[in-house]
Amino acid sequence: MNFSKDWPPNCPSEDTPDAAGDVFRISKEKPVTAASMQSHYESGRLPNADPCLRCGLSVFRALEDAINQHNLMPRLGNIVARAALLAEHGKACLTEGQQRTHTTWWPYEGVDRAAMFVVIRDLS
């Protein structure tokens, strides 16, 4: 299992834990599409942010934190989707964010991110 060759060296670091457990992501689309599963790096957003963090996807370990993030930034979308991450999906760890369970997930190449997520809540 490999990460993109386009990512910075040692991203994520070797000591980053394997992905594991349920995560929640805010989406604009229902069902979740590949476009809503792009990292900031892939979409060209936040060019001055930490290069490795830009390659990962923001997810939350707690549903209430995903909802709170939506309330702070409704432009992210009105859909909350859940996925069950496994080691075969990449690496993930808690990272600094506005919510206590903000997590960055670095998926391995070839992981069908959108197919993993099931819509559980429409906040519109």
C-alpha atoms as a PDB file:
ATOM      1  CA  MET A   1       0.000   0.000   0.000  1.00  0.00           C
ATOM      2  CA  ASN A   2       1.427   3.320  -1.090  1.00  0.00           C
ATOM      3  CA  PHE A   3       0.733   6.997  -0.709  1.00  0.00           C
ATOM      4  CA  SER A   4       0.867   9.337  -3.694  1.00  0.00           C
ATOM      5  CA  LYS A   5       4.347   9.983  -5.039  1.00  0.00           C
ATOM      6  CA  ASP A   6       3.304  13.646  -5.366  1.00  0.00           C
ATOM      7  CA  TRP A   7       3.117  14.076  -1.598  1.00  0.00           C
ATOM      8  CA  PRO A   8       5.989  15.565   0.411  1.00  0.00           C
ATOM      9  CA  PRO A   9       8.674  13.140   1.640  1.00  0.00           C
ATOM     10  CA  ASN A  10       7.757  11.270   4.839  1.00  0.00           C
ATOM     11  CA  CYS A  11       4.097  12.261   4.551  1.00  0.00           C
ATOM     12  CA  PRO A  12       2.532  11.050   6.668  1.00  0.00           C
ATOM     13  CA  SER A  13       5.342  10.257   9.072  1.00  0.00           C
ATOM     14  CA  GLU A  14       6.208   6.622   9.731  1.00  0.00           C
ATOM     15  CA  ASP A  15       4.873   6.824  13.298  1.00  0.00           C
ATOM     16  CA  THR A  16       1.391   7.910  12.168  1.00  0.00           C
ATOM     17  CA  PRO A  17      -1.108   5.252  13.287  1.00  0.00           C
ATOM     18  CA  ASP A  18      -2.992   3.061  10.858  1.00  0.00           C
ATOM     19  CA  ALA A  19      -6.495   4.269  10.070  1.00  0.00           C
ATOM     20  CA  ALA A  20      -9.060   2.604  12.319  1.00  0.00           C
ATOM     21  CA  GLY A  21     -12.602   3.257  13.491  1.00  0.00           C
ATOM     22  CA  ASP A  22     -15.601   5.308  12.475  1.00  0.00           C
ATOM     23  CA  VAL A  23     -15.107   8.798  11.077  1.00  0.00           C
ATOM     24  CA  PHE A  24     -17.508  11.482   9.897  1.00  0.00           C
ATOM     25  CA  ARG A  25     -17.071  13.918   7.018  1.00  0.00           C
ATOM     26  CA  ILE A  26     -19.091  16.879   5.824  1.00  0.00           C
ATOM     27  CA  SER A  27     -20.084  16.777   2.162  1.00  0.00           C
ATOM     28  CA  LYS A  28     -21.961  18.909  -0.326  1.00  0.00           C
ATOM     29  CA  GLU A  29     -23.201  15.905  -2.276  1.00  0.00           C
ATOM     30  CA  LYS A  30     -25.691  13.181  -1.472  1.00  0.00           C
ATOM     31  CA  PRO A  31     -24.587  10.512  -2.138  1.00  0.00           C
ATOM     32  CA  VAL A  32     -20.967  11.369  -1.465  1.00  0.00           C
ATOM     33  CA  THR A  33     -18.947  11.792  -4.664  1.00  0.00           C
ATOM     34  CA  ALA A  34     -15.253  11.663  -5.490  1.00  0.00           C
ATOM     35  CA  ALA A  35     -15.279  15.472  -5.809  1.00  0.00           C
ATOM     36  CA  SER A  36     -16.345  15.849  -2.180  1.00  0.00           C
ATOM     37  CA  MET A  37     -13.527  13.528  -1.119  1.00  0.00           C
ATOM     38  CA  GLN A  38     -10.685  15.630  -2.491  1.00  0.00           C
ATOM     39  CA  SER A  39      -7.941  16.876  -0.220  1.00  0.00           C
ATOM     40  CA  HIS A  40      -6.906  20.527  -0.221  1.00  0.00           C
ATOM     41  CA  TYR A  41      -3.832  19.443  -2.178  1.00  0.00           C
ATOM     42  CA  GLU A  42      -5.947  17.771  -4.888  1.00  0.00           C
ATOM     43  CA  SER A  43      -8.328  20.715  -5.168  1.00  0.00           C
ATOM     44  CA  GLY A  44      -5.608  23.367  -5.046  1.00  0.00           C
ATOM     45  CA  ARG A  45      -6.982  25.008  -1.899  1.00  0.00           C
ATOM     46  CA  LEU A  46      -4.959  26.439   1.011  1.00  0.00           C
ATOM     47  CA  PRO A  47      -1.631  26.551  -0.852  1.00  0.00           C
ATOM     48  CA  ASN A  48       0.181  28.066   2.149  1.00  0.00           C
ATOM     49  CA  ALA A  49      -0.979  25.468   4.687  1.00  0.00           C
ATOM     50  CA  ASP A  50       1.216  22.647   5.998  1.00  0.00           C
ATOM     51  CA  PRO A  51       2.036  20.584   2.871  1.00  0.00           C
ATOM     52  CA  CYS A  52       1.457  17.200   4.485  1.00  0.00           C
ATOM     53  CA  LEU A  53      -1.814  18.204   6.163  1.00  0.00           C
ATOM     54  CA  ARG A  54      -3.041  19.474   2.776  1.00  0.00           C
ATOM     55  CA  CYS A  55      -2.664  15.921   1.414  1.00  0.00           C
ATOM     56  CA  GLY A  56      -4.959  14.422   4.047  1.00  0.00           C
ATOM     57  CA  LEU A  57      -8.711  14.638   4.454  1.00  0.00           C
ATOM     58  CA  SER A  58     -10.397  16.296   7.412  1.00  0.00           C
ATOM     59  CA  VAL A  59     -12.705  13.940   9.233  1.00  0.00           C
ATOM     60  CA  PHE A  60     -14.109  13.803  12.758  1.00  0.00           C
ATOM     61  CA  ARG A  61     -14.224  10.959  15.265  1.00  0.00           C
ATOM     62  CA  ALA A  62     -17.484  12.200  16.802  1.00  0.00           C
ATOM     63  CA  LEU A  63     -20.729  12.978  14.980  1.00  0.00           C
ATOM     64  CA  GLU A  64     -21.372  16.001  17.198  1.00  0.00           C
ATOM     65  CA  ASP A  65     -18.013  17.488  16.183  1.00  0.00           C
ATOM     66  CA  ALA A  66     -18.885  17.133  12.498  1.00  0.00           C
ATOM     67  CA  ILE A  67     -22.197  18.887  13.173  1.00  0.00           C
ATOM     68  CA  ASN A  68     -20.453  21.633  15.167  1.00  0.00           C
ATOM     69  CA  GLN A  69     -17.995  22.163  12.301  1.00  0.00           C
ATOM     70  CA  HIS A  70     -20.910  22.425   9.870  1.00  0.00           C
ATOM     71  CA  ASN A  71     -22.494  25.067  12.126  1.00  0.00           C
ATOM     72  CA  LEU A  72     -19.238  27.072  12.111  1.00  0.00           C
ATOM     73  CA  MET A  73     -18.636  26.641   8.368  1.00  0.00           C
ATOM     74  CA  PRO A  74     -21.898  25.825   6.555  1.00  0.00           C
ATOM     75  CA  ARG A  75     -20.176  26.372   3.191  1.00  0.00           C
ATOM     76  CA  LEU A  76     -18.573  22.924   3.677  1.00  0.00           C
ATOM     77  CA  GLY A  77     -21.927  21.301   2.960  1.00  0.00           C
ATOM     78  CA  ASN A  78     -25.088  20.057   4.646  1.00  0.00           C
ATOM     79  CA  ILE A  79     -24.475  16.320   4.484  1.00  0.00           C
ATOM     80  CA  VAL A  80     -22.744  14.252   7.162  1.00  0.00           C
ATOM     81  CA  ALA A  81     -21.452  10.867   6.057  1.00  0.00           C
ATOM     82  CA  ARG A  82     -19.806   8.063   8.040  1.00  0.00           C
ATOM     83  CA  ALA A  83     -17.114   5.553   7.117  1.00  0.00           C
ATOM     84  CA  ALA A  84     -15.421   2.747   9.015  1.00  0.00           C
ATOM     85  CA  LEU A  85     -11.683   3.093   8.435  1.00  0.00           C
ATOM     86  CA  LEU A  86      -9.345   0.106   8.494  1.00  0.00           C
ATOM     87  CA  ALA A  87      -5.562  -0.143   8.288  1.00  0.00           C
ATOM     88  CA  GLU A  88      -5.881  -0.959   4.582  1.00  0.00           C
ATOM     89  CA  HIS A  89      -7.351   2.516   4.007  1.00  0.00           C
ATOM     90  CA  GLY A  90      -4.282   4.491   5.089  1.00  0.00           C
ATOM     91  CA  LYS A  91      -3.094   6.390   8.148  1.00  0.00           C
ATOM     92  CA  ALA A  92      -4.995   8.747  10.446  1.00  0.00           C
ATOM     93  CA  CYS A  93      -4.411  10.740  13.597  1.00  0.00           C
ATOM     94  CA  LEU A  94      -5.918  13.540  15.634  1.00  0.00           C
ATOM     95  CA  THR A  95      -4.723  16.904  14.348  1.00  0.00           C
ATOM     96  CA  GLU A  96      -5.307  20.435  15.502  1.00  0.00           C
ATOM     97  CA  GLY A  97      -8.636  21.857  14.429  1.00  0.00           C
ATOM     98  CA  GLN A  98     -11.657  23.705  15.722  1.00  0.00           C
ATOM     99  CA  GLN A  99     -13.198  20.466  17.003  1.00  0.00           C
ATOM    100  CA  ARG A 100     -11.688  18.169  19.631  1.00  0.00           C
ATOM    101  CA  THR A 101     -11.884  15.064  17.423  1.00  0.00           C
ATOM    102  CA  HIS A 102     -10.618  16.651  14.203  1.00  0.00           C
ATOM    103  CA  THR A 103      -8.585  13.946  12.482  1.00  0.00           C
ATOM    104  CA  THR A 104      -6.513  13.937   9.337  1.00  0.00           C
ATOM    105  CA  TRP A 105      -6.801  10.808   7.224  1.00  0.00           C
ATOM    106  CA  TRP A 106      -4.176  10.094   4.581  1.00  0.00           C
ATOM    107  CA  PRO A 107      -5.710   7.468   2.259  1.00  0.00           C
ATOM    108  CA  TYR A 108      -3.580   5.040   0.322  1.00  0.00           C
ATOM    109  CA  GLU A 109      -3.609   5.325  -3.452  1.00  0.00           C
ATOM    110  CA  GLY A 110      -6.447   3.393  -5.013  1.00  0.00           C
ATOM    111  CA  VAL A 111      -8.811   3.663  -2.027  1.00  0.00           C
ATOM    112  CA  ASP A 112     -12.312   4.511  -3.283  1.00  0.00           C
ATOM    113  CA  ARG A 113     -12.966   7.174  -0.675  1.00  0.00           C
ATOM    114  CA  ALA A 114     -16.473   8.111  -1.780  1.00  0.00           C
ATOM    115  CA  ALA A 115     -17.686   4.496  -1.805  1.00  0.00           C
ATOM    116  CA  MET A 116     -16.683   4.125   1.845  1.00  0.00           C
ATOM    117  CA  PHE A 117     -18.946   6.912   3.106  1.00  0.00           C
ATOM    118  CA  VAL A 118     -22.648   6.481   3.827  1.00  0.00           C
ATOM    119  CA  VAL A 119     -24.856   9.536   4.324  1.00  0.00           C
ATOM    120  CA  ILE A 120     -26.283   9.553   7.831  1.00  0.00           C
ATOM    121  CA  ARG A 121     -27.595  13.092   8.271  1.00  0.00           C
ATOM    122  CA  ASP A 122     -28.860  15.977   6.140  1.00  0.00           C
ATOM    123  CA  LEU A 123     -28.417  19.258   8.020  1.00  0.00           C
ATOM    124  CA  SER A 124     -30.240  21.490   5.517  1.00  0.00           C
END
